[in-house]
C-alpha atoms as a PDB file:
ATOM      1  CA  MET A   1      19.011  -5.146  14.370  1.00  0.00           C
ATOM      2  CA  ASP A   2      16.100  -5.538  16.788  1.00  0.00           C
ATOM      3  CA  ARG A   3      14.269  -2.294  16.028  1.00  0.00           C
ATOM      4  CA  PRO A   4      10.907  -2.697  14.228  1.00  0.00           C
ATOM      5  CA  ILE A   5       9.879  -1.849  10.688  1.00  0.00           C
ATOM      6  CA  GLY A   6       7.204   0.851  10.496  1.00  0.00           C
ATOM      7  CA  VAL A   7       4.312   0.413   8.056  1.00  0.00           C
ATOM      8  CA  PHE A   8       1.551   2.938   7.431  1.00  0.00           C
ATOM      9  CA  ASP A   9      -1.619   3.385   5.437  1.00  0.00           C
ATOM     10  CA  SER A  10      -4.670   5.614   5.591  1.00  0.00           C
ATOM     11  CA  GLY A  11      -6.681   2.714   7.017  1.00  0.00           C
ATOM     12  CA  VAL A  12      -6.751  -1.060   6.828  1.00  0.00           C
ATOM     13  CA  GLY A  13      -5.634  -1.653   3.225  1.00  0.00           C
ATOM     14  CA  GLY A  14      -1.939  -1.622   4.076  1.00  0.00           C
ATOM     15  CA  LEU A  15      -2.451  -4.766   6.122  1.00  0.00           C
ATOM     16  CA  THR A  16      -2.098  -6.677   2.835  1.00  0.00           C
ATOM     17  CA  VAL A  17       1.439  -5.285   2.697  1.00  0.00           C
ATOM     18  CA  LEU A  18       2.008  -6.179   6.350  1.00  0.00           C
ATOM     19  CA  ALA A  19       0.919  -9.747   5.589  1.00  0.00           C
ATOM     20  CA  ALA A  20       3.427  -9.913   2.727  1.00  0.00           C
ATOM     21  CA  LEU A  21       6.172  -8.559   4.999  1.00  0.00           C
ATOM     22  CA  ARG A  22       5.371 -11.243   7.562  1.00  0.00           C
ATOM     23  CA  ARG A  23       5.822 -13.928   4.918  1.00  0.00           C
ATOM     24  CA  GLU A  24       9.021 -12.453   3.496  1.00  0.00           C
ATOM     25  CA  LEU A  25      10.596 -11.373   6.816  1.00  0.00           C
ATOM     26  CA  PRO A  26       9.302 -13.717   9.537  1.00  0.00           C
ATOM     27  CA  HIS A  27      11.957 -12.640  12.050  1.00  0.00           C
ATOM     28  CA  GLU A  28      11.162  -8.924  11.909  1.00  0.00           C
ATOM     29  CA  ASP A  29       9.035  -6.938  14.339  1.00  0.00           C
ATOM     30  CA  LEU A  30       6.480  -4.712  12.629  1.00  0.00           C
ATOM     31  CA  VAL A  31       4.535  -1.674  13.807  1.00  0.00           C
ATOM     32  CA  TYR A  32       1.530  -0.693  11.705  1.00  0.00           C
ATOM     33  CA  LEU A  33      -0.208   2.671  11.855  1.00  0.00           C
ATOM     34  CA  GLY A  34      -3.585   3.119  10.187  1.00  0.00           C
ATOM     35  CA  ASP A  35      -4.658   6.757   9.975  1.00  0.00           C
ATOM     36  CA  THR A  36      -8.315   5.797  10.329  1.00  0.00           C
ATOM     37  CA  ALA A  37      -9.333   9.260  11.533  1.00  0.00           C
ATOM     38  CA  ARG A  38      -8.481  10.700   8.119  1.00  0.00           C
ATOM     39  CA  VAL A  39      -9.279   7.793   5.775  1.00  0.00           C
ATOM     40  CA  PRO A  40      -9.523   7.823   2.774  1.00  0.00           C
ATOM     41  CA  TYR A  41      -6.452   9.535   1.363  1.00  0.00           C
ATOM     42  CA  GLY A  42      -7.437   8.666  -2.203  1.00  0.00           C
ATOM     43  CA  THR A  43      -9.854  11.571  -2.609  1.00  0.00           C
ATOM     44  CA  ARG A  44      -7.677  14.201  -0.877  1.00  0.00           C
ATOM     45  CA  SER A  45      -5.584  16.873  -2.528  1.00  0.00           C
ATOM     46  CA  PRO A  46      -1.863  16.139  -2.977  1.00  0.00           C
ATOM     47  CA  GLU A  47      -0.974  18.830  -0.423  1.00  0.00           C
ATOM     48  CA  THR A  48      -3.273  17.286   2.187  1.00  0.00           C
ATOM     49  CA  VAL A  49      -1.918  13.793   1.556  1.00  0.00           C
ATOM     50  CA  VAL A  50       1.650  15.026   2.041  1.00  0.00           C
ATOM     51  CA  ARG A  51       0.679  16.727   5.303  1.00  0.00           C
ATOM     52  CA  TYR A  52      -1.047  13.608   6.608  1.00  0.00           C
ATOM     53  CA  ALA A  53       1.847  11.355   5.561  1.00  0.00           C
ATOM     54  CA  GLU A  54       4.368  13.584   7.321  1.00  0.00           C
ATOM     55  CA  ARG A  55       2.360  13.396  10.542  1.00  0.00           C
ATOM     56  CA  VAL A  56       2.176   9.610  10.414  1.00  0.00           C
ATOM     57  CA  ALA A  57       5.858   9.248   9.554  1.00  0.00           C
ATOM     58  CA  SER A  58       6.811  11.594  12.385  1.00  0.00           C
ATOM     59  CA  HIS A  59       4.953   9.442  14.884  1.00  0.00           C
ATOM     60  CA  LEU A  60       6.515   6.210  13.634  1.00  0.00           C
ATOM     61  CA  TRP A  61      10.013   7.666  13.555  1.00  0.00           C
ATOM     62  CA  GLN A  62       9.640   8.645  17.196  1.00  0.00           C
ATOM     63  CA  THR A  63       8.956   4.979  18.070  1.00  0.00           C
ATOM     64  CA  GLY A  64      12.464   4.084  16.878  1.00  0.00           C
ATOM     65  CA  ILE A  65      11.777   2.205  13.656  1.00  0.00           C
ATOM     66  CA  LYS A  66      14.679   1.119  11.432  1.00  0.00           C
ATOM     67  CA  ALA A  67      12.779   1.350   8.131  1.00  0.00           C
ATOM     68  CA  LEU A  68       9.538   2.886   6.886  1.00  0.00           C
ATOM     69  CA  VAL A  69       7.145   1.228   4.433  1.00  0.00           C
ATOM     70  CA  VAL A  70       4.565   3.535   2.849  1.00  0.00           C
ATOM     71  CA  ALA A  71       1.845   0.929   2.280  1.00  0.00           C
ATOM     72  CA  CYS A  72      -0.559   3.438   0.765  1.00  0.00           C
ATOM     73  CA  ASN A  73      -0.482   3.989  -2.988  1.00  0.00           C
ATOM     74  CA  THR A  74      -1.807   7.547  -2.728  1.00  0.00           C
ATOM     75  CA  ALA A  75       0.728   8.518  -0.059  1.00  0.00           C
ATOM     76  CA  THR A  76       3.483   6.874  -2.099  1.00  0.00           C
ATOM     77  CA  ALA A  77       2.437   8.816  -5.188  1.00  0.00           C
ATOM     78  CA  HIS A  78       2.403  12.201  -3.470  1.00  0.00           C
ATOM     79  CA  ALA A  79       4.617  12.065  -0.365  1.00  0.00           C
ATOM     80  CA  LEU A  80       7.413   9.531  -0.912  1.00  0.00           C
ATOM     81  CA  PRO A  81      10.064  12.052  -2.091  1.00  0.00           C
ATOM     82  CA  ARG A  82       9.456  14.265   0.963  1.00  0.00           C
ATOM     83  CA  LEU A  83       9.641  11.328   3.351  1.00  0.00           C
ATOM     84  CA  ARG A  84      12.817   9.986   1.780  1.00  0.00           C
ATOM     85  CA  ALA A  85      14.473  13.399   1.933  1.00  0.00           C
ATOM     86  CA  ALA A  86      13.664  13.654   5.642  1.00  0.00           C
ATOM     87  CA  ALA A  87      14.652  10.095   6.617  1.00  0.00           C
ATOM     88  CA  THR A  88      18.432  10.300   6.552  1.00  0.00           C
ATOM     89  CA  GLY A  89      19.884   6.860   7.195  1.00  0.00           C
ATOM     90  CA  ILE A  90      16.509   5.066   7.308  1.00  0.00           C
ATOM     91  CA  PRO A  91      15.250   3.140   4.274  1.00  0.00           C
ATOM     92  CA  VAL A  92      11.865   4.381   3.034  1.00  0.00           C
ATOM     93  CA  VAL A  93      10.052   2.082   0.615  1.00  0.00           C
ATOM     94  CA  GLY A  94       6.789   2.822  -1.178  1.00  0.00           C
ATOM     95  CA  VAL A  95       4.488   0.427  -3.011  1.00  0.00           C
ATOM     96  CA  LEU A  96       4.600   2.104  -6.428  1.00  0.00           C
ATOM     97  CA  GLU A  97       8.057   1.304  -7.802  1.00  0.00           C
ATOM     98  CA  PRO A  98       8.024  -2.371  -6.722  1.00  0.00           C
ATOM     99  CA  GLY A  99       4.663  -2.811  -8.444  1.00  0.00           C
ATOM    100  CA  VAL A 100       5.934  -1.148 -11.594  1.00  0.00           C
ATOM    101  CA  GLU A 101       9.062  -3.301 -11.684  1.00  0.00           C
ATOM    102  CA  ALA A 102       7.003  -6.460 -11.213  1.00  0.00           C
ATOM    103  CA  ALA A 103       4.661  -5.464 -14.040  1.00  0.00           C
ATOM    104  CA  VAL A 104       7.533  -4.645 -16.397  1.00  0.00           C
ATOM    105  CA  ALA A 105       9.038  -8.055 -15.671  1.00  0.00           C
ATOM    106  CA  VAL A 106       5.892  -9.977 -16.672  1.00  0.00           C
ATOM    107  CA  THR A 107       4.303  -7.989 -19.508  1.00  0.00           C
ATOM    108  CA  GLN A 108       4.807  -9.517 -22.927  1.00  0.00           C
ATOM    109  CA  THR A 109       3.211  -6.749 -24.989  1.00  0.00           C
ATOM    110  CA  LYS A 110       4.594  -3.730 -23.100  1.00  0.00           C
ATOM    111  CA  ARG A 111       1.009  -2.608 -22.458  1.00  0.00           C
ATOM    112  CA  VAL A 112       0.058  -2.300 -18.777  1.00  0.00           C
ATOM    113  CA  ALA A 113      -3.029  -0.955 -17.014  1.00  0.00           C
ATOM    114  CA  VAL A 114      -3.141   0.398 -13.475  1.00  0.00           C
ATOM    115  CA  ALA A 115      -6.266   0.275 -11.300  1.00  0.00           C
ATOM    116  CA  GLY A 116      -6.199   2.643  -8.333  1.00  0.00           C
ATOM    117  CA  THR A 117      -7.906   5.370  -6.361  1.00  0.00           C
ATOM    118  CA  GLU A 118      -8.704   8.713  -7.923  1.00  0.00           C
ATOM    119  CA  GLY A 119      -5.698  10.295  -6.208  1.00  0.00           C
ATOM    120  CA  THR A 120      -3.264   7.625  -7.350  1.00  0.00           C
ATOM    121  CA  ILE A 121      -4.445   7.621 -10.956  1.00  0.00           C
ATOM    122  CA  SER A 122      -4.662  11.413 -11.261  1.00  0.00           C
ATOM    123  CA  SER A 123      -1.086  11.738  -9.934  1.00  0.00           C
ATOM    124  CA  ARG A 124       0.103   9.791 -13.016  1.00  0.00           C
ATOM    125  CA  ARG A 125       3.031   8.420 -11.011  1.00  0.00           C
ATOM    126  CA  TYR A 126       2.365   4.850 -12.113  1.00  0.00           C
ATOM    127  CA  GLN A 127       1.780   5.816 -15.739  1.00  0.00           C
ATOM    128  CA  ASP A 128       4.895   7.977 -15.876  1.00  0.00           C
ATOM    129  CA  ALA A 129       7.056   5.316 -14.197  1.00  0.00           C
ATOM    130  CA  LEU A 130       5.895   2.733 -16.724  1.00  0.00           C
ATOM    131  CA  ALA A 131       6.414   5.119 -19.642  1.00  0.00           C
ATOM    132  CA  ARG A 132      10.014   5.716 -18.546  1.00  0.00           C
ATOM    133  CA  ARG A 133      10.548   1.979 -18.979  1.00  0.00           C
ATOM    134  CA  GLY A 134       9.122   1.960 -22.477  1.00  0.00           C
ATOM    135  CA  VAL A 135       5.734   0.556 -21.465  1.00  0.00           C
ATOM    136  CA  GLU A 136       2.409   1.902 -22.709  1.00  0.00           C
ATOM    137  CA  ALA A 137       0.245   2.561 -19.664  1.00  0.00           C
ATOM    138  CA  VAL A 138      -3.385   3.380 -18.967  1.00  0.00           C
ATOM    139  CA  GLY A 139      -4.780   4.308 -15.553  1.00  0.00           C
ATOM    140  CA  VAL A 140      -8.294   3.449 -14.380  1.00  0.00           C
ATOM    141  CA  ALA A 141      -9.779   4.928 -11.198  1.00  0.00           C
ATOM    142  CA  CYS A 142     -11.884   2.354  -9.340  1.00  0.00           C
ATOM    143  CA  PRO A 143     -12.970   4.118  -6.122  1.00  0.00           C
ATOM    144  CA  LEU A 144     -15.852   1.781  -5.227  1.00  0.00           C
ATOM    145  CA  PHE A 145     -13.459  -1.147  -4.896  1.00  0.00           C
ATOM    146  CA  VAL A 146     -12.318   0.285  -1.564  1.00  0.00           C
ATOM    147  CA  SER A 147     -15.800   0.224  -0.039  1.00  0.00           C
ATOM    148  CA  LEU A 148     -16.529  -3.223  -1.439  1.00  0.00           C
ATOM    149  CA  ALA A 149     -13.339  -4.650   0.080  1.00  0.00           C
ATOM    150  CA  GLU A 150     -13.968  -3.088   3.481  1.00  0.00           C
ATOM    151  CA  GLU A 151     -17.573  -4.280   3.597  1.00  0.00           C
ATOM    152  CA  GLY A 152     -16.548  -7.798   2.642  1.00  0.00           C
ATOM    153  CA  TRP A 153     -18.357  -7.684  -0.724  1.00  0.00           C
ATOM    154  CA  THR A 154     -15.553  -9.440  -2.575  1.00  0.00           C
ATOM    155  CA  ALA A 155     -17.617 -12.030  -4.440  1.00  0.00           C
ATOM    156  CA  GLY A 156     -21.008 -12.167  -6.088  1.00  0.00           C
ATOM    157  CA  GLN A 157     -23.068 -10.094  -8.469  1.00  0.00           C
ATOM    158  CA  VAL A 158     -22.465  -6.619  -7.020  1.00  0.00           C
ATOM    159  CA  PRO A 159     -18.642  -6.580  -7.164  1.00  0.00           C
ATOM    160  CA  ALA A 160     -18.773  -8.384 -10.517  1.00  0.00           C
ATOM    161  CA  LEU A 161     -20.955  -5.635 -11.989  1.00  0.00           C
ATOM    162  CA  VAL A 162     -18.719  -2.912 -10.562  1.00  0.00           C
ATOM    163  CA  ALA A 163     -15.578  -4.594 -11.887  1.00  0.00           C
ATOM    164  CA  GLU A 164     -17.161  -4.967 -15.319  1.00  0.00           C
ATOM    165  CA  GLU A 165     -18.124  -1.283 -15.352  1.00  0.00           C
ATOM    166  CA  TYR A 166     -14.635  -0.132 -14.392  1.00  0.00           C
ATOM    167  CA  LEU A 167     -12.462  -2.605 -16.264  1.00  0.00           C
ATOM    168  CA  GLY A 168     -14.475  -4.322 -18.992  1.00  0.00           C
ATOM    169  CA  HIS A 169     -13.211  -1.908 -21.626  1.00  0.00           C
ATOM    170  CA  LEU A 170      -9.655  -3.183 -21.066  1.00  0.00           C
ATOM    171  CA  ARG A 171     -10.369  -6.591 -22.628  1.00  0.00           C
ATOM    172  CA  GLY A 172      -8.225  -7.050 -25.693  1.00  0.00           C
ATOM    173  CA  GLY A 173      -5.861  -4.302 -24.552  1.00  0.00           C
ATOM    174  CA  PRO A 174      -3.152  -4.459 -21.853  1.00  0.00           C
ATOM    175  CA  ASP A 175      -1.845  -7.904 -20.919  1.00  0.00           C
ATOM    176  CA  THR A 176      -0.988  -6.874 -17.347  1.00  0.00           C
ATOM    177  CA  LEU A 177      -2.912  -4.999 -14.637  1.00  0.00           C
ATOM    178  CA  ILE A 178      -1.302  -3.511 -11.549  1.00  0.00           C
ATOM    179  CA  LEU A 179      -3.578  -3.583  -8.507  1.00  0.00           C
ATOM    180  CA  GLY A 180      -2.585  -0.059  -7.517  1.00  0.00           C
ATOM    181  CA  CYS A 181      -4.421   0.053  -4.207  1.00  0.00           C
ATOM    182  CA  THR A 182      -3.829  -2.178  -1.209  1.00  0.00           C
ATOM    183  CA  HIS A 183      -7.563  -2.949  -0.999  1.00  0.00           C
ATOM    184  CA  TYR A 184      -7.762  -4.408  -4.471  1.00  0.00           C
ATOM    185  CA  PRO A 185      -6.099  -7.808  -3.868  1.00  0.00           C
ATOM    186  CA  LEU A 186      -9.225  -8.810  -1.949  1.00  0.00           C
ATOM    187  CA  LEU A 187     -11.132  -8.406  -5.219  1.00  0.00           C
ATOM    188  CA  ALA A 188      -8.554 -10.211  -7.338  1.00  0.00           C
ATOM    189  CA  ASP A 189     -10.860 -13.119  -8.220  1.00  0.00           C
ATOM    190  CA  VAL A 190     -13.622 -10.769  -9.385  1.00  0.00           C
ATOM    191  CA  ILE A 191     -11.173  -8.666 -11.389  1.00  0.00           C
ATOM    192  CA  GLN A 192      -9.600 -11.757 -12.943  1.00  0.00           C
ATOM    193  CA  ALA A 193     -13.036 -12.978 -14.015  1.00  0.00           C
ATOM    194  CA  VAL A 194     -13.562  -9.726 -15.941  1.00  0.00           C
ATOM    195  CA  LEU A 195     -10.053  -9.881 -17.445  1.00  0.00           C
ATOM    196  CA  PRO A 196      -9.277 -13.612 -17.701  1.00  0.00           C
ATOM    197  CA  ASP A 197      -6.342 -13.150 -20.069  1.00  0.00           C
ATOM    198  CA  VAL A 198      -4.653 -10.381 -18.088  1.00  0.00           C
ATOM    199  CA  ARG A 199      -1.855 -10.956 -15.575  1.00  0.00           C
ATOM    200  CA  LEU A 200      -2.612  -9.291 -12.214  1.00  0.00           C
ATOM    201  CA  VAL A 201       0.279  -7.751 -10.274  1.00  0.00           C
ATOM    202  CA  ASP A 202      -0.102  -7.290  -6.521  1.00  0.00           C
ATOM    203  CA  SER A 203       2.525  -4.804  -5.398  1.00  0.00           C
ATOM    204  CA  ALA A 204       2.414  -6.020  -1.771  1.00  0.00           C
ATOM    205  CA  THR A 205       4.598  -9.069  -2.455  1.00  0.00           C
ATOM    206  CA  ALA A 206       6.974  -7.067  -4.638  1.00  0.00           C
ATOM    207  CA  THR A 207       7.246  -4.389  -1.942  1.00  0.00           C
ATOM    208  CA  ALA A 208       8.085  -6.948   0.747  1.00  0.00           C
ATOM    209  CA  ARG A 209      10.926  -8.274  -1.405  1.00  0.00           C
ATOM    210  CA  VAL A 210      12.315  -4.771  -1.900  1.00  0.00           C
ATOM    211  CA  VAL A 211      12.166  -4.123   1.859  1.00  0.00           C
ATOM    212  CA  ALA A 212      14.085  -7.343   2.494  1.00  0.00           C
ATOM    213  CA  ARG A 213      16.712  -6.305  -0.043  1.00  0.00           C
ATOM    214  CA  GLU A 214      17.033  -2.821   1.499  1.00  0.00           C
ATOM    215  CA  LEU A 215      17.477  -4.248   4.994  1.00  0.00           C
ATOM    216  CA  ARG A 216      20.162  -6.669   3.851  1.00  0.00           C
ATOM    217  CA  SER A 217      21.973  -3.930   1.949  1.00  0.00           C
ATOM    218  CA  ALA A 218      21.980  -1.652   5.000  1.00  0.00           C
ATOM    219  CA  GLY A 219      22.890  -4.416   7.442  1.00  0.00           C
ATOM    220  CA  LEU A 220      19.627  -3.915   9.318  1.00  0.00           C
ATOM    221  CA  GLU A 221      17.987  -7.320   8.982  1.00  0.00           C
ATOM    222  CA  ARG A 222      17.098  -9.482  11.956  1.00  0.00           C
ATOM    223  CA  SER A 223      17.848 -13.143  11.350  1.00  0.00           C
ATOM    224  CA  GLU A 224      16.663 -14.852  14.533  1.00  0.00           C
ATOM    225  CA  GLY A 225      13.555 -15.194  16.637  1.00  0.00           C
ATOM    226  CA  PRO A 226       9.881 -14.866  15.721  1.00  0.00           C
ATOM    227  CA  GLY A 227       8.734 -11.425  14.683  1.00  0.00           C
ATOM    228  CA  GLY A 228       5.728  -9.726  16.226  1.00  0.00           C
ATOM    229  CA  ALA A 229       3.307  -7.006  15.164  1.00  0.00           C
ATOM    230  CA  ARG A 230       1.919  -3.953  16.932  1.00  0.00           C
ATOM    231  CA  PHE A 231      -1.119  -2.116  15.579  1.00  0.00           C
ATOM    232  CA  LEU A 232      -1.804   1.607  16.016  1.00  0.00           C
ATOM    233  CA  VAL A 233      -4.841   3.541  14.790  1.00  0.00           C
ATOM    234  CA  THR A 234      -6.007   7.134  15.023  1.00  0.00           C
ATOM    235  CA  ASP A 235      -9.721   6.302  15.370  1.00  0.00           C
ATOM    236  CA  ASN A 236     -12.314   3.508  15.542  1.00  0.00           C
ATOM    237  CA  LEU A 237     -10.511   0.602  17.164  1.00  0.00           C
ATOM    238  CA  ASP A 238     -13.402  -1.852  16.827  1.00  0.00           C
ATOM    239  CA  ARG A 239     -13.897  -1.366  13.103  1.00  0.00           C
ATOM    240  CA  PHE A 240     -10.163  -1.616  12.472  1.00  0.00           C
ATOM    241  CA  ALA A 241     -10.010  -4.961  14.274  1.00  0.00           C
ATOM    242  CA  ASP A 242     -13.092  -6.285  12.473  1.00  0.00           C
ATOM    243  CA  VAL A 243     -12.260  -5.166   8.938  1.00  0.00           C
ATOM    244  CA  GLY A 244      -8.524  -5.579   9.379  1.00  0.00           C
ATOM    245  CA  THR A 245      -8.846  -9.287  10.043  1.00  0.00           C
ATOM    246  CA  ARG A 246     -10.035  -9.814   6.449  1.00  0.00           C
ATOM    247  CA  PHE A 247      -7.099  -7.847   5.037  1.00  0.00           C
ATOM    248  CA  LEU A 248      -4.436  -9.438   7.218  1.00  0.00           C
ATOM    249  CA  GLY A 249      -5.776 -12.950   6.806  1.00  0.00           C
ATOM    250  CA  ALA A 250      -5.412 -13.434  10.558  1.00  0.00           C
ATOM    251  CA  ARG A 251      -6.835 -12.004  13.730  1.00  0.00           C
ATOM    252  CA  VAL A 252      -5.775  -8.415  14.412  1.00  0.00           C
ATOM    253  CA  ASP A 253      -4.664  -8.390  18.028  1.00  0.00           C
ATOM    254  CA  ALA A 254      -5.397  -5.469  20.320  1.00  0.00           C
ATOM    255  CA  ALA A 255      -4.813  -2.215  18.514  1.00  0.00           C
ATOM    256  CA  GLU A 256      -3.830   0.971  20.308  1.00  0.00           C
ATOM    257  CA  LEU A 257      -5.331   4.417  19.835  1.00  0.00           C
ATOM    258  CA  VAL A 258      -2.737   7.134  19.183  1.00  0.00           C
ATOM    259  CA  ASP A 259      -2.673  10.885  18.576  1.00  0.00           C
ATOM    260  CA  LEU A 260      -0.570  12.231  15.742  1.00  0.00           C
ATOM    261  CA  PRO A 261       1.654  15.323  15.944  1.00  0.00           C
ATOM    262  CA  ASP A 262       0.152  18.780  15.584  1.00  0.00           C
ATOM    263  CA  PRO A 263      -0.335  19.383  11.833  1.00  0.00           C
ATOM    264  CA  ASN A 264       0.724  22.997  12.344  1.00  0.00           C
ATOM    265  CA  GLY A 265       3.846  22.046  14.229  1.00  0.00           C
ATOM    266  CA  PRO A 266       7.301  21.188  12.874  1.00  0.00           C
ATOM    267  CA  PHE A 267       7.807  18.037  10.808  1.00  0.00           C
ATOM    268  CA  ALA A 268       9.671  15.749  13.203  1.00  0.00           C
ATOM    269  CA  LYS A 269      12.480  13.878  11.454  1.00  0.00           C
ATOM    270  CA  PRO A 270      14.235  10.677  12.604  1.00  0.00           C
END
């Protein structure tokens, strides 16, 4: 099917998921929406995150997407059930469950840590999902990692000190750490240096594999031709292009500025 896959995040972090989707599904067209006017979601209340996620999903559904990828851990934690209930007939995949499944598959001690934003960690969605699989879980909020990644401070003394402050106490504990925010893979080397014996799990790759499986199962995959990408943002085109290039690992071509639906209006469903 030639319709695109929709991907959204509160800003640029979800571009790490888009990059993974490009590798896993090279024939698929992708449309990415970064809600840069309302970034970050990680410090918002659950109710606000749900409202924002519904607005973004409504816009993407109106573009005619065939699947929706919630490439934001906070939005996945708070809004995924609502989005799935609304999206009859359209696969909706979040980043949380794929990351959990990947961590469960690699942990040897059944002790896993999750690093994420304040909103993701306080939701306890990761911890509860791991506990249901018989895994002992601990969540660690690492909010400064987002700013460091966006400013390009991904190596050197400053990020090393921040990583030590957040995660140093985990040494000798969990054998696996889920990078529970799409910004955090950019800091993977710094994090690994603090926790050299811990296996890092990037949910972006796991999510891309789940999306591929969902498309095949629903008969929606596109098997021919090169896929393309379209980028939409709600504010600050120049910064998105500049910062986004680091997250995507390639140049972010011309992004488009879009307005989202009225937050007080009806929730548009596909």
